[in-house]
Amino acid sequence: MLSGAALADPRSREARETLPQLESDERMIQICGLEAMEQVHSWRPDFRPDALVAYALSDPTIAGDRIHANGAAFRSEGSWYEISFDCAVSPDHMQVQSFSFRVGDPVPQEEWEAHNLTTKS
């Protein structure tokens, strides 16, 4: 999975150190969010995701070591886009084991504030 390579990058030192300290479900949301951003960029290099909100349009469903985020959004080049993803992680919630996603429509700018989607990193 692509999140492993991203975390191995020396520039990700802070993320590597912070991840184990997070509560289990939050750790899963973060590692799956990272995987989503890496997968989107790999799929379409013109997308350069720099933020993802798993609960932007609706709350994700977490069951055991799996998360289904049907109402997530990612930001690329200053615009927000809908994304849904399914992510399964290792029992310690530190590694992604399987991942699938679907990118949807752009989120209209007039809806950003209502969904707490920021314009800056």
PDB file of N, CA and C in Angstrom:
ATOM      1  N   MET A   1       0.833  -1.176   0.000  1.00  0.00           N
ATOM      2  CA  MET A   1       0.000   0.000   0.000  1.00  0.00           C
ATOM      3  C   MET A   1       0.886   1.251   0.000  1.00  0.00           C
ATOM      4  N   LEU A   2       0.374   2.317  -0.511  1.00  0.00           N
ATOM      5  CA  LEU A   2       1.161   3.535  -0.734  1.00  0.00           C
ATOM      6  C   LEU A   2       1.431   4.335   0.535  1.00  0.00           C
ATOM      7  N   SER A   3       0.582   4.209   1.552  1.00  0.00           N
ATOM      8  CA  SER A   3       0.798   4.972   2.783  1.00  0.00           C
ATOM      9  C   SER A   3       2.084   4.544   3.480  1.00  0.00           C
ATOM     10  N   GLY A   4       2.467   3.283   3.363  1.00  0.00           N
ATOM     11  CA  GLY A   4       3.706   2.805   3.974  1.00  0.00           C
ATOM     12  C   GLY A   4       4.920   3.518   3.413  1.00  0.00           C
ATOM     13  N   ALA A   5       4.962   3.679   2.099  1.00  0.00           N
ATOM     14  CA  ALA A   5       6.076   4.389   1.466  1.00  0.00           C
ATOM     15  C   ALA A   5       6.074   5.861   1.861  1.00  0.00           C
ATOM     16  N   ALA A   6       4.894   6.459   1.940  1.00  0.00           N
ATOM     17  CA  ALA A   6       4.809   7.877   2.328  1.00  0.00           C
ATOM     18  C   ALA A   6       5.306   8.075   3.755  1.00  0.00           C
ATOM     19  N   LEU A   7       4.952   7.163   4.650  1.00  0.00           N
ATOM     20  CA  LEU A   7       5.406   7.284   6.039  1.00  0.00           C
ATOM     21  C   LEU A   7       6.896   7.004   6.183  1.00  0.00           C
ATOM     22  N   ALA A   8       7.456   6.191   5.288  1.00  0.00           N
ATOM     23  CA  ALA A   8       8.887   5.886   5.343  1.00  0.00           C
ATOM     24  C   ALA A   8       9.741   7.065   4.887  1.00  0.00           C
ATOM     25  N   ASP A   9       9.155   7.992   4.157  1.00  0.00           N
ATOM     26  CA  ASP A   9       9.877   9.178   3.686  1.00  0.00           C
ATOM     27  C   ASP A   9      10.392   9.969   4.886  1.00  0.00           C
ATOM     28  N   PRO A  10      11.658  10.393   4.855  1.00  0.00           N
ATOM     29  CA  PRO A  10      12.212  11.160   5.977  1.00  0.00           C
ATOM     30  C   PRO A  10      11.401  12.409   6.329  1.00  0.00           C
ATOM     31  N   ARG A  11      10.707  12.985   5.371  1.00  0.00           N
ATOM     32  CA  ARG A  11       9.895  14.177   5.649  1.00  0.00           C
ATOM     33  C   ARG A  11       8.664  13.854   6.494  1.00  0.00           C
ATOM     34  N   SER A  12       8.368  12.576   6.678  1.00  0.00           N
ATOM     35  CA  SER A  12       7.189  12.154   7.444  1.00  0.00           C
ATOM     36  C   SER A  12       7.531  11.765   8.881  1.00  0.00           C
ATOM     37  N   ARG A  13       8.675  12.182   9.360  1.00  0.00           N
ATOM     38  CA  ARG A  13       9.117  11.803  10.709  1.00  0.00           C
ATOM     39  C   ARG A  13       8.073  12.146  11.762  1.00  0.00           C
ATOM     40  N   GLU A  14       7.541  13.364  11.718  1.00  0.00           N
ATOM     41  CA  GLU A  14       6.564  13.787  12.724  1.00  0.00           C
ATOM     42  C   GLU A  14       5.313  12.902  12.684  1.00  0.00           C
ATOM     43  N   ALA A  15       4.845  12.580  11.499  1.00  0.00           N
ATOM     44  CA  ALA A  15       3.665  11.712  11.372  1.00  0.00           C
ATOM     45  C   ALA A  15       3.958  10.322  11.925  1.00  0.00           C
ATOM     46  N   ARG A  16       5.143   9.779  11.625  1.00  0.00           N
ATOM     47  CA  ARG A  16       5.522   8.458  12.140  1.00  0.00           C
ATOM     48  C   ARG A  16       5.543   8.450  13.661  1.00  0.00           C
ATOM     49  N   GLU A  17       6.016   9.539  14.257  1.00  0.00           N
ATOM     50  CA  GLU A  17       6.105   9.614  15.714  1.00  0.00           C
ATOM     51  C   GLU A  17       4.741   9.849  16.359  1.00  0.00           C
ATOM     52  N   THR A  18       3.868  10.572  15.690  1.00  0.00           N
ATOM     53  CA  THR A  18       2.562  10.916  16.253  1.00  0.00           C
ATOM     54  C   THR A  18       1.556   9.777  16.134  1.00  0.00           C
ATOM     55  N   LEU A  19       1.579   9.050  15.043  1.00  0.00           N
ATOM     56  CA  LEU A  19       0.575   8.020  14.770  1.00  0.00           C
ATOM     57  C   LEU A  19       0.382   7.029  15.921  1.00  0.00           C
ATOM     58  N   PRO A  20       1.441   6.447  16.483  1.00  0.00           N
ATOM     59  CA  PRO A  20       1.237   5.462  17.559  1.00  0.00           C
ATOM     60  C   PRO A  20       0.595   6.056  18.815  1.00  0.00           C
ATOM     61  N   GLN A  21       0.660   7.361  18.977  1.00  0.00           N
ATOM     62  CA  GLN A  21       0.114   8.008  20.170  1.00  0.00           C
ATOM     63  C   GLN A  21      -1.385   8.283  20.052  1.00  0.00           C
ATOM     64  N   LEU A  22      -1.943   8.173  18.861  1.00  0.00           N
ATOM     65  CA  LEU A  22      -3.361   8.458  18.649  1.00  0.00           C
ATOM     66  C   LEU A  22      -4.237   7.311  19.153  1.00  0.00           C
ATOM     67  N   GLU A  23      -5.467   7.651  19.528  1.00  0.00           N
ATOM     68  CA  GLU A  23      -6.463   6.649  19.890  1.00  0.00           C
ATOM     69  C   GLU A  23      -6.694   5.756  18.664  1.00  0.00           C
ATOM     70  N   SER A  24      -7.028   4.508  18.891  1.00  0.00           N
ATOM     71  CA  SER A  24      -7.086   3.493  17.840  1.00  0.00           C
ATOM     72  C   SER A  24      -7.921   3.901  16.621  1.00  0.00           C
ATOM     73  N   ASP A  25      -9.164   4.355  16.836  1.00  0.00           N
ATOM     74  CA  ASP A  25     -10.005   4.736  15.698  1.00  0.00           C
ATOM     75  C   ASP A  25      -9.438   5.947  14.962  1.00  0.00           C
ATOM     76  N   GLU A  26      -8.906   6.914  15.694  1.00  0.00           N
ATOM     77  CA  GLU A  26      -8.313   8.101  15.058  1.00  0.00           C
ATOM     78  C   GLU A  26      -7.084   7.712  14.246  1.00  0.00           C
ATOM     79  N   ARG A  27      -6.285   6.770  14.770  1.00  0.00           N
ATOM     80  CA  ARG A  27      -5.106   6.283  14.040  1.00  0.00           C
ATOM     81  C   ARG A  27      -5.547   5.651  12.720  1.00  0.00           C
ATOM     82  N   MET A  28      -6.632   4.873  12.766  1.00  0.00           N
ATOM     83  CA  MET A  28      -7.140   4.242  11.546  1.00  0.00           C
ATOM     84  C   MET A  28      -7.620   5.302  10.554  1.00  0.00           C
ATOM     85  N   ILE A  29      -8.331   6.310  11.026  1.00  0.00           N
ATOM     86  CA  ILE A  29      -8.801   7.382  10.148  1.00  0.00           C
ATOM     87  C   ILE A  29      -7.617   8.091   9.494  1.00  0.00           C
ATOM     88  N   GLN A  30      -6.572   8.359  10.262  1.00  0.00           N
ATOM     89  CA  GLN A  30      -5.410   9.071   9.733  1.00  0.00           C
ATOM     90  C   GLN A  30      -4.642   8.235   8.709  1.00  0.00           C
ATOM     91  N   ILE A  31      -4.379   6.974   9.013  1.00  0.00           N
ATOM     92  CA  ILE A  31      -3.599   6.139   8.090  1.00  0.00           C
ATOM     93  C   ILE A  31      -4.398   5.873   6.809  1.00  0.00           C
ATOM     94  N   CYS A  32      -5.714   5.699   6.935  1.00  0.00           N
ATOM     95  CA  CYS A  32      -6.545   5.494   5.743  1.00  0.00           C
ATOM     96  C   CYS A  32      -6.682   6.783   4.937  1.00  0.00           C
ATOM     97  N   GLY A  33      -6.714   7.923   5.614  1.00  0.00           N
ATOM     98  CA  GLY A  33      -6.740   9.204   4.907  1.00  0.00           C
ATOM     99  C   GLY A  33      -5.473   9.426   4.106  1.00  0.00           C
ATOM    100  N   LEU A  34      -4.333   9.068   4.705  1.00  0.00           N
ATOM    101  CA  LEU A  34      -3.059   9.171   3.993  1.00  0.00           C
ATOM    102  C   LEU A  34      -3.060   8.247   2.777  1.00  0.00           C
ATOM    103  N   GLU A  35      -3.539   7.030   2.974  1.00  0.00           N
ATOM    104  CA  GLU A  35      -3.621   6.081   1.852  1.00  0.00           C
ATOM    105  C   GLU A  35      -4.508   6.647   0.742  1.00  0.00           C
ATOM    106  N   ALA A  36      -5.632   7.242   1.113  1.00  0.00           N
ATOM    107  CA  ALA A  36      -6.541   7.818   0.116  1.00  0.00           C
ATOM    108  C   ALA A  36      -5.841   8.895  -0.705  1.00  0.00           C
ATOM    109  N   MET A  37      -5.137   9.798  -0.033  1.00  0.00           N
ATOM    110  CA  MET A  37      -4.454  10.873  -0.762  1.00  0.00           C
ATOM    111  C   MET A  37      -3.384  10.320  -1.688  1.00  0.00           C
ATOM    112  N   GLU A  38      -2.617   9.338  -1.223  1.00  0.00           N
ATOM    113  CA  GLU A  38      -1.575   8.736  -2.060  1.00  0.00           C
ATOM    114  C   GLU A  38      -2.185   7.985  -3.248  1.00  0.00           C
ATOM    115  N   GLN A  39      -3.270   7.264  -3.017  1.00  0.00           N
ATOM    116  CA  GLN A  39      -3.930   6.515  -4.099  1.00  0.00           C
ATOM    117  C   GLN A  39      -4.495   7.456  -5.161  1.00  0.00           C
ATOM    118  N   VAL A  40      -5.114   8.547  -4.722  1.00  0.00           N
ATOM    119  CA  VAL A  40      -5.679   9.513  -5.673  1.00  0.00           C
ATOM    120  C   VAL A  40      -4.576  10.096  -6.547  1.00  0.00           C
ATOM    121  N   HIS A  41      -3.458  10.488  -5.929  1.00  0.00           N
ATOM    122  CA  HIS A  41      -2.360  11.074  -6.708  1.00  0.00           C
ATOM    123  C   HIS A  41      -1.754  10.043  -7.668  1.00  0.00           C
ATOM    124  N   SER A  42      -1.649   8.800  -7.227  1.00  0.00           N
ATOM    125  CA  SER A  42      -1.118   7.748  -8.096  1.00  0.00           C
ATOM    126  C   SER A  42      -2.059   7.494  -9.278  1.00  0.00           C
ATOM    127  N   TRP A  43      -3.352   7.533  -9.026  1.00  0.00           N
ATOM    128  CA  TRP A  43      -4.369   7.309 -10.056  1.00  0.00           C
ATOM    129  C   TRP A  43      -4.403   8.450 -11.064  1.00  0.00           C
ATOM    130  N   ARG A  44      -4.362   9.686 -10.545  1.00  0.00           N
ATOM    131  CA  ARG A  44      -4.382  10.874 -11.412  1.00  0.00           C
ATOM    132  C   ARG A  44      -3.351  11.868 -10.902  1.00  0.00           C
ATOM    133  N   PRO A  45      -2.153  11.869 -11.487  1.00  0.00           N
ATOM    134  CA  PRO A  45      -1.081  12.746 -11.009  1.00  0.00           C
ATOM    135  C   PRO A  45      -1.419  14.235 -11.020  1.00  0.00           C
ATOM    136  N   ASP A  46      -2.429  14.648 -11.802  1.00  0.00           N
ATOM    137  CA  ASP A  46      -2.809  16.061 -11.783  1.00  0.00           C
ATOM    138  C   ASP A  46      -3.514  16.430 -10.475  1.00  0.00           C
ATOM    139  N   PHE A  47      -4.032  15.438  -9.747  1.00  0.00           N
ATOM    140  CA  PHE A  47      -4.537  15.681  -8.396  1.00  0.00           C
ATOM    141  C   PHE A  47      -3.352  15.646  -7.440  1.00  0.00           C
ATOM    142  N   ARG A  48      -3.242  16.645  -6.593  1.00  0.00           N
ATOM    143  CA  ARG A  48      -2.174  16.711  -5.592  1.00  0.00           C
ATOM    144  C   ARG A  48      -2.819  16.932  -4.221  1.00  0.00           C
ATOM    145  N   PRO A  49      -3.444  15.883  -3.666  1.00  0.00           N
ATOM    146  CA  PRO A  49      -4.143  16.041  -2.395  1.00  0.00           C
ATOM    147  C   PRO A  49      -3.204  16.478  -1.267  1.00  0.00           C
ATOM    148  N   ASP A  50      -3.638  17.484  -0.513  1.00  0.00           N
ATOM    149  CA  ASP A  50      -2.844  17.932   0.635  1.00  0.00           C
ATOM    150  C   ASP A  50      -3.653  17.913   1.928  1.00  0.00           C
ATOM    151  N   ALA A  51      -4.921  17.519   1.849  1.00  0.00           N
ATOM    152  CA  ALA A  51      -5.763  17.376   3.036  1.00  0.00           C
ATOM    153  C   ALA A  51      -6.912  16.439   2.703  1.00  0.00           C
ATOM    154  N   LEU A  52      -7.391  15.741   3.732  1.00  0.00           N
ATOM    155  CA  LEU A  52      -8.542  14.872   3.577  1.00  0.00           C
ATOM    156  C   LEU A  52      -9.349  14.933   4.866  1.00  0.00           C
ATOM    157  N   VAL A  53     -10.662  15.038   4.731  1.00  0.00           N
ATOM    158  CA  VAL A  53     -11.567  15.027   5.881  1.00  0.00           C
ATOM    159  C   VAL A  53     -12.500  13.833   5.691  1.00  0.00           C
ATOM    160  N   ALA A  54     -12.323  12.809   6.529  1.00  0.00           N
ATOM    161  CA  ALA A  54     -13.087  11.567   6.377  1.00  0.00           C
ATOM    162  C   ALA A  54     -14.569  11.753   6.682  1.00  0.00           C
ATOM    163  N   TYR A  55     -14.910  12.770   7.461  1.00  0.00           N
ATOM    164  CA  TYR A  55     -16.291  12.998   7.915  1.00  0.00           C
ATOM    165  C   TYR A  55     -16.883  14.278   7.326  1.00  0.00           C
ATOM    166  N   ALA A  56     -16.382  14.732   6.186  1.00  0.00           N
ATOM    167  CA  ALA A  56     -16.798  16.022   5.615  1.00  0.00           C
ATOM    168  C   ALA A  56     -18.292  16.077   5.300  1.00  0.00           C
ATOM    169  N   LEU A  57     -18.792  15.124   4.567  1.00  0.00           N
ATOM    170  CA  LEU A  57     -20.183  15.156   4.111  1.00  0.00           C
ATOM    171  C   LEU A  57     -21.074  14.194   4.887  1.00  0.00           C
ATOM    172  N   SER A  58     -20.479  13.170   5.490  1.00  0.00           N
ATOM    173  CA  SER A  58     -21.189  12.242   6.375  1.00  0.00           C
ATOM    174  C   SER A  58     -20.155  11.491   7.205  1.00  0.00           C
ATOM    175  N   ASP A  59     -20.602  10.976   8.343  1.00  0.00           N
ATOM    176  CA  ASP A  59     -19.682  10.275   9.240  1.00  0.00           C
ATOM    177  C   ASP A  59     -19.259   8.937   8.646  1.00  0.00           C
ATOM    178  N   PRO A  60     -17.984   8.579   8.829  1.00  0.00           N
ATOM    179  CA  PRO A  60     -17.534   7.266   8.377  1.00  0.00           C
ATOM    180  C   PRO A  60     -18.086   6.175   9.296  1.00  0.00           C
ATOM    181  N   THR A  61     -18.114   4.963   8.786  1.00  0.00           N
ATOM    182  CA  THR A  61     -18.512   3.797   9.570  1.00  0.00           C
ATOM    183  C   THR A  61     -17.252   3.012   9.899  1.00  0.00           C
ATOM    184  N   ILE A  62     -17.046   2.760  11.181  1.00  0.00           N
ATOM    185  CA  ILE A  62     -15.883   1.999  11.620  1.00  0.00           C
ATOM    186  C   ILE A  62     -16.378   0.714  12.262  1.00  0.00           C
ATOM    187  N   ALA A  63     -15.838  -0.409  11.800  1.00  0.00           N
ATOM    188  CA  ALA A  63     -16.182  -1.716  12.353  1.00  0.00           C
ATOM    189  C   ALA A  63     -14.907  -2.542  12.437  1.00  0.00           C
ATOM    190  N   GLY A  64     -14.435  -2.757  13.649  1.00  0.00           N
ATOM    191  CA  GLY A  64     -13.210  -3.525  13.840  1.00  0.00           C
ATOM    192  C   GLY A  64     -12.024  -2.828  13.206  1.00  0.00           C
ATOM    193  N   ASP A  65     -11.409  -3.499  12.261  1.00  0.00           N
ATOM    194  CA  ASP A  65     -10.212  -2.978  11.587  1.00  0.00           C
ATOM    195  C   ASP A  65     -10.541  -2.422  10.204  1.00  0.00           C
ATOM    196  N   ARG A  66     -11.785  -1.985   9.995  1.00  0.00           N
ATOM    197  CA  ARG A  66     -12.224  -1.505   8.682  1.00  0.00           C
ATOM    198  C   ARG A  66     -12.979  -0.194   8.836  1.00  0.00           C
ATOM    199  N   ILE A  67     -12.750   0.697   7.873  1.00  0.00           N
ATOM    200  CA  ILE A  67     -13.481   1.963   7.835  1.00  0.00           C
ATOM    201  C   ILE A  67     -14.096   2.126   6.451  1.00  0.00           C
ATOM    202  N   HIS A  68     -15.336   2.586   6.443  1.00  0.00           N
ATOM    203  CA  HIS A  68     -16.017   2.932   5.191  1.00  0.00           C
ATOM    204  C   HIS A  68     -16.377   4.408   5.301  1.00  0.00           C
ATOM    205  N   ALA A  69     -15.772   5.215   4.462  1.00  0.00           N
ATOM    206  CA  ALA A  69     -16.029   6.658   4.451  1.00  0.00           C
ATOM    207  C   ALA A  69     -16.741   6.999   3.152  1.00  0.00           C
ATOM    208  N   ASN A  70     -18.045   7.144   3.222  1.00  0.00           N
ATOM    209  CA  ASN A  70     -18.836   7.431   2.026  1.00  0.00           C
ATOM    210  C   ASN A  70     -18.955   8.926   1.772  1.00  0.00           C
ATOM    211  N   GLY A  71     -18.664   9.749   2.779  1.00  0.00           N
ATOM    212  CA  GLY A  71     -18.822  11.189   2.639  1.00  0.00           C
ATOM    213  C   GLY A  71     -17.557  11.951   2.946  1.00  0.00           C
ATOM    214  N   ALA A  72     -16.436  11.445   2.485  1.00  0.00           N
ATOM    215  CA  ALA A  72     -15.154  12.113   2.706  1.00  0.00           C
ATOM    216  C   ALA A  72     -14.912  13.152   1.612  1.00  0.00           C
ATOM    217  N   ALA A  73     -13.912  13.990   1.837  1.00  0.00           N
ATOM    218  CA  ALA A  73     -13.516  14.987   0.833  1.00  0.00           C
ATOM    219  C   ALA A  73     -12.013  15.196   0.924  1.00  0.00           C
ATOM    220  N   PHE A  74     -11.376  15.418  -0.221  1.00  0.00           N
ATOM    221  CA  PHE A  74      -9.953  15.754  -0.229  1.00  0.00           C
ATOM    222  C   PHE A  74      -9.767  17.082  -0.945  1.00  0.00           C
ATOM    223  N   ARG A  75      -8.682  17.772  -0.560  1.00  0.00           N
ATOM    224  CA  ARG A  75      -8.357  19.061  -1.177  1.00  0.00           C
ATOM    225  C   ARG A  75      -7.160  18.874  -2.099  1.00  0.00           C
ATOM    226  N   SER A  76      -7.266  19.449  -3.300  1.00  0.00           N
ATOM    227  CA  SER A  76      -6.180  19.426  -4.269  1.00  0.00           C
ATOM    228  C   SER A  76      -6.142  20.769  -4.981  1.00  0.00           C
ATOM    229  N   GLU A  77      -4.976  21.397  -4.966  1.00  0.00           N
ATOM    230  CA  GLU A  77      -4.803  22.679  -5.653  1.00  0.00           C
ATOM    231  C   GLU A  77      -5.869  23.694  -5.234  1.00  0.00           C
ATOM    232  N   GLY A  78      -6.247  23.665  -3.949  1.00  0.00           N
ATOM    233  CA  GLY A  78      -7.180  24.652  -3.413  1.00  0.00           C
ATOM    234  C   GLY A  78      -8.652  24.348  -3.607  1.00  0.00           C
ATOM    235  N   SER A  79      -8.984  23.215  -4.236  1.00  0.00           N
ATOM    236  CA  SER A  79     -10.383  22.826  -4.423  1.00  0.00           C
ATOM    237  C   SER A  79     -10.651  21.521  -3.681  1.00  0.00           C
ATOM    238  N   TRP A  80     -11.902  21.343  -3.255  1.00  0.00           N
ATOM    239  CA  TRP A  80     -12.308  20.133  -2.535  1.00  0.00           C
ATOM    240  C   TRP A  80     -13.108  19.224  -3.455  1.00  0.00           C
ATOM    241  N   TYR A  81     -12.897  17.903  -3.299  1.00  0.00           N
ATOM    242  CA  TYR A  81     -13.563  16.892  -4.111  1.00  0.00           C
ATOM    243  C   TYR A  81     -14.140  15.804  -3.212  1.00  0.00           C
ATOM    244  N   GLU A  82     -15.306  15.311  -3.577  1.00  0.00           N
ATOM    245  CA  GLU A  82     -15.899  14.191  -2.859  1.00  0.00           C
ATOM    246  C   GLU A  82     -15.070  12.935  -3.120  1.00  0.00           C
ATOM    247  N   ILE A  83     -14.974  12.096  -2.099  1.00  0.00           N
ATOM    248  CA  ILE A  83     -14.330  10.797  -2.244  1.00  0.00           C
ATOM    249  C   ILE A  83     -14.992   9.834  -1.271  1.00  0.00           C
ATOM    250  N   SER A  84     -15.160   8.609  -1.703  1.00  0.00           N
ATOM    251  CA  SER A  84     -15.591   7.551  -0.793  1.00  0.00           C
ATOM    252  C   SER A  84     -14.505   6.488  -0.828  1.00  0.00           C
ATOM    253  N   PHE A  85     -14.284   5.854   0.319  1.00  0.00           N
ATOM    254  CA  PHE A  85     -13.276   4.800   0.349  1.00  0.00           C
ATOM    255  C   PHE A  85     -13.603   3.742   1.386  1.00  0.00           C
ATOM    256  N   ASP A  86     -13.074   2.546   1.126  1.00  0.00           N
ATOM    257  CA  ASP A  86     -13.099   1.431   2.063  1.00  0.00           C
ATOM    258  C   ASP A  86     -11.653   1.089   2.360  1.00  0.00           C
ATOM    259  N   CYS A  87     -11.355   0.935   3.634  1.00  0.00           N
ATOM    260  CA  CYS A  87      -9.973   0.727   4.046  1.00  0.00           C
ATOM    261  C   CYS A  87      -9.936  -0.304   5.167  1.00  0.00           C
ATOM    262  N   ALA A  88      -9.110  -1.319   5.010  1.00  0.00           N
ATOM    263  CA  ALA A  88      -8.882  -2.309   6.061  1.00  0.00           C
ATOM    264  C   ALA A  88      -7.441  -2.164   6.532  1.00  0.00           C
ATOM    265  N   VAL A  89      -7.257  -2.202   7.842  1.00  0.00           N
ATOM    266  CA  VAL A  89      -5.934  -1.990   8.423  1.00  0.00           C
ATOM    267  C   VAL A  89      -5.519  -3.187   9.270  1.00  0.00           C
ATOM    268  N   SER A  90      -4.235  -3.210   9.620  1.00  0.00           N
ATOM    269  CA  SER A  90      -3.692  -4.242  10.491  1.00  0.00           C
ATOM    270  C   SER A  90      -4.317  -4.117  11.887  1.00  0.00           C
ATOM    271  N   PRO A  91      -4.245  -5.161  12.706  1.00  0.00           N
ATOM    272  CA  PRO A  91      -4.842  -5.103  14.042  1.00  0.00           C
ATOM    273  C   PRO A  91      -4.346  -3.945  14.916  1.00  0.00           C
ATOM    274  N   ASP A  92      -3.109  -3.491  14.707  1.00  0.00           N
ATOM    275  CA  ASP A  92      -2.608  -2.347  15.491  1.00  0.00           C
ATOM    276  C   ASP A  92      -2.965  -1.004  14.854  1.00  0.00           C
ATOM    277  N   HIS A  93      -3.668  -1.050  13.728  1.00  0.00           N
ATOM    278  CA  HIS A  93      -4.119   0.141  12.988  1.00  0.00           C
ATOM    279  C   HIS A  93      -2.954   1.019  12.527  1.00  0.00           C
ATOM    280  N   MET A  94      -1.825   0.385  12.225  1.00  0.00           N
ATOM    281  CA  MET A  94      -0.641   1.116  11.776  1.00  0.00           C
ATOM    282  C   MET A  94      -0.339   0.905  10.295  1.00  0.00           C
ATOM    283  N   GLN A  95      -0.973  -0.094   9.656  1.00  0.00           N
ATOM    284  CA  GLN A  95      -0.700  -0.371   8.248  1.00  0.00           C
ATOM    285  C   GLN A  95      -1.999  -0.668   7.508  1.00  0.00           C
ATOM    286  N   VAL A  96      -2.097  -0.141   6.307  1.00  0.00           N
ATOM    287  CA  VAL A  96      -3.256  -0.423   5.457  1.00  0.00           C
ATOM    288  C   VAL A  96      -3.041  -1.773   4.788  1.00  0.00           C
ATOM    289  N   GLN A  97      -4.065  -2.620   4.835  1.00  0.00           N
ATOM    290  CA  GLN A  97      -3.970  -3.943   4.225  1.00  0.00           C
ATOM    291  C   GLN A  97      -4.753  -4.048   2.920  1.00  0.00           C
ATOM    292  N   SER A  98      -5.855  -3.326   2.807  1.00  0.00           N
ATOM    293  CA  SER A  98      -6.585  -3.275   1.534  1.00  0.00           C
ATOM    294  C   SER A  98      -7.281  -1.924   1.445  1.00  0.00           C
ATOM    295  N   PHE A  99      -7.483  -1.483   0.201  1.00  0.00           N
ATOM    296  CA  PHE A  99      -8.027  -0.141   0.003  1.00  0.00           C
ATOM    297  C   PHE A  99      -8.710  -0.055  -1.354  1.00  0.00           C
ATOM    298  N   SER A 100      -9.875   0.582  -1.384  1.00  0.00           N
ATOM    299  CA  SER A 100     -10.541   0.912  -2.645  1.00  0.00           C
ATOM    300  C   SER A 100     -11.175   2.286  -2.482  1.00  0.00           C
ATOM    301  N   PHE A 101     -11.329   2.991  -3.602  1.00  0.00           N
ATOM    302  CA  PHE A 101     -11.865   4.350  -3.522  1.00  0.00           C
ATOM    303  C   PHE A 101     -12.594   4.729  -4.801  1.00  0.00           C
ATOM    304  N   ARG A 102     -13.397   5.791  -4.679  1.00  0.00           N
ATOM    305  CA  ARG A 102     -14.069   6.385  -5.827  1.00  0.00           C
ATOM    306  C   ARG A 102     -14.100   7.889  -5.613  1.00  0.00           C
ATOM    307  N   VAL A 103     -13.579   8.626  -6.576  1.00  0.00           N
ATOM    308  CA  VAL A 103     -13.605  10.089  -6.519  1.00  0.00           C
ATOM    309  C   VAL A 103     -14.912  10.562  -7.137  1.00  0.00           C
ATOM    310  N   GLY A 104     -15.549  11.503  -6.459  1.00  0.00           N
ATOM    311  CA  GLY A 104     -16.812  12.053  -6.939  1.00  0.00           C
ATOM    312  C   GLY A 104     -16.639  13.451  -7.500  1.00  0.00           C
ATOM    313  N   ASP A 105     -17.679  14.219  -7.392  1.00  0.00           N
ATOM    314  CA  ASP A 105     -17.719  15.573  -7.935  1.00  0.00           C
ATOM    315  C   ASP A 105     -16.959  16.558  -7.052  1.00  0.00           C
ATOM    316  N   PRO A 106     -16.596  17.700  -7.609  1.00  0.00           N
ATOM    317  CA  PRO A 106     -16.058  18.774  -6.768  1.00  0.00           C
ATOM    318  C   PRO A 106     -17.134  19.215  -5.764  1.00  0.00           C
ATOM    319  N   VAL A 107     -16.698  19.575  -4.564  1.00  0.00           N
ATOM    320  CA  VAL A 107     -17.618  20.133  -3.576  1.00  0.00           C
ATOM    321  C   VAL A 107     -17.766  21.615  -3.913  1.00  0.00           C
ATOM    322  N   PRO A 108     -18.980  22.097  -4.144  1.00  0.00           N
ATOM    323  CA  PRO A 108     -19.159  23.517  -4.477  1.00  0.00           C
ATOM    324  C   PRO A 108     -18.585  24.418  -3.374  1.00  0.00           C
ATOM    325  N   GLN A 109     -17.886  25.457  -3.783  1.00  0.00           N
ATOM    326  CA  GLN A 109     -17.219  26.338  -2.829  1.00  0.00           C
ATOM    327  C   GLN A 109     -18.189  26.918  -1.803  1.00  0.00           C
ATOM    328  N   GLU A 110     -19.417  27.178  -2.200  1.00  0.00           N
ATOM    329  CA  GLU A 110     -20.379  27.751  -1.254  1.00  0.00           C
ATOM    330  C   GLU A 110     -20.765  26.760  -0.146  1.00  0.00           C
ATOM    331  N   GLU A 111     -20.383  25.476  -0.287  1.00  0.00           N
ATOM    332  CA  GLU A 111     -20.666  24.467   0.740  1.00  0.00           C
ATOM    333  C   GLU A 111     -19.475  24.201   1.659  1.00  0.00           C
ATOM    334  N   TRP A 112     -18.305  24.747   1.338  1.00  0.00           N
ATOM    335  CA  TRP A 112     -17.103  24.444   2.111  1.00  0.00           C
ATOM    336  C   TRP A 112     -17.260  24.776   3.586  1.00  0.00           C
ATOM    337  N   GLU A 113     -17.732  25.964   3.881  1.00  0.00           N
ATOM    338  CA  GLU A 113     -17.841  26.391   5.278  1.00  0.00           C
ATOM    339  C   GLU A 113     -18.785  25.483   6.068  1.00  0.00           C
ATOM    340  N   ALA A 114     -19.892  25.100   5.480  1.00  0.00           N
ATOM    341  CA  ALA A 114     -20.865  24.239   6.160  1.00  0.00           C
ATOM    342  C   ALA A 114     -20.278  22.879   6.508  1.00  0.00           C
ATOM    343  N   HIS A 115     -19.281  22.441   5.748  1.00  0.00           N
ATOM    344  CA  HIS A 115     -18.650  21.140   5.968  1.00  0.00           C
ATOM    345  C   HIS A 115     -17.270  21.273   6.615  1.00  0.00           C
ATOM    346  N   ASN A 116     -16.945  22.462   7.096  1.00  0.00           N
ATOM    347  CA  ASN A 116     -15.650  22.723   7.745  1.00  0.00           C
ATOM    348  C   ASN A 116     -14.468  22.381   6.845  1.00  0.00           C
ATOM    349  N   LEU A 117     -14.586  22.692   5.578  1.00  0.00           N
ATOM    350  CA  LEU A 117     -13.511  22.466   4.614  1.00  0.00           C
ATOM    351  C   LEU A 117     -12.752  23.779   4.464  1.00  0.00           C
ATOM    352  N   THR A 118     -11.503  23.762   4.878  1.00  0.00           N
ATOM    353  CA  THR A 118     -10.706  24.985   4.896  1.00  0.00           C
ATOM    354  C   THR A 118     -10.040  25.242   3.556  1.00  0.00           C
ATOM    355  N   THR A 119      -9.620  26.483   3.366  1.00  0.00           N
ATOM    356  CA  THR A 119      -8.934  26.845   2.129  1.00  0.00           C
ATOM    357  C   THR A 119      -7.426  26.785   2.283  1.00  0.00           C
ATOM    358  N   LYS A 120      -6.925  26.660   3.501  1.00  0.00           N
ATOM    359  CA  LYS A 120      -5.475  26.635   3.741  1.00  0.00           C
ATOM    360  C   LYS A 120      -5.089  25.366   4.467  1.00  0.00           C
ATOM    361  N   SER A 121      -3.790  24.991   4.320  1.00  0.00           N
ATOM    362  CA  SER A 121      -3.310  23.807   5.028  1.00  0.00           C
ATOM    363  C   SER A 121      -2.984  24.119   6.457  1.00  0.00           C
TER     364      SER A 121
END
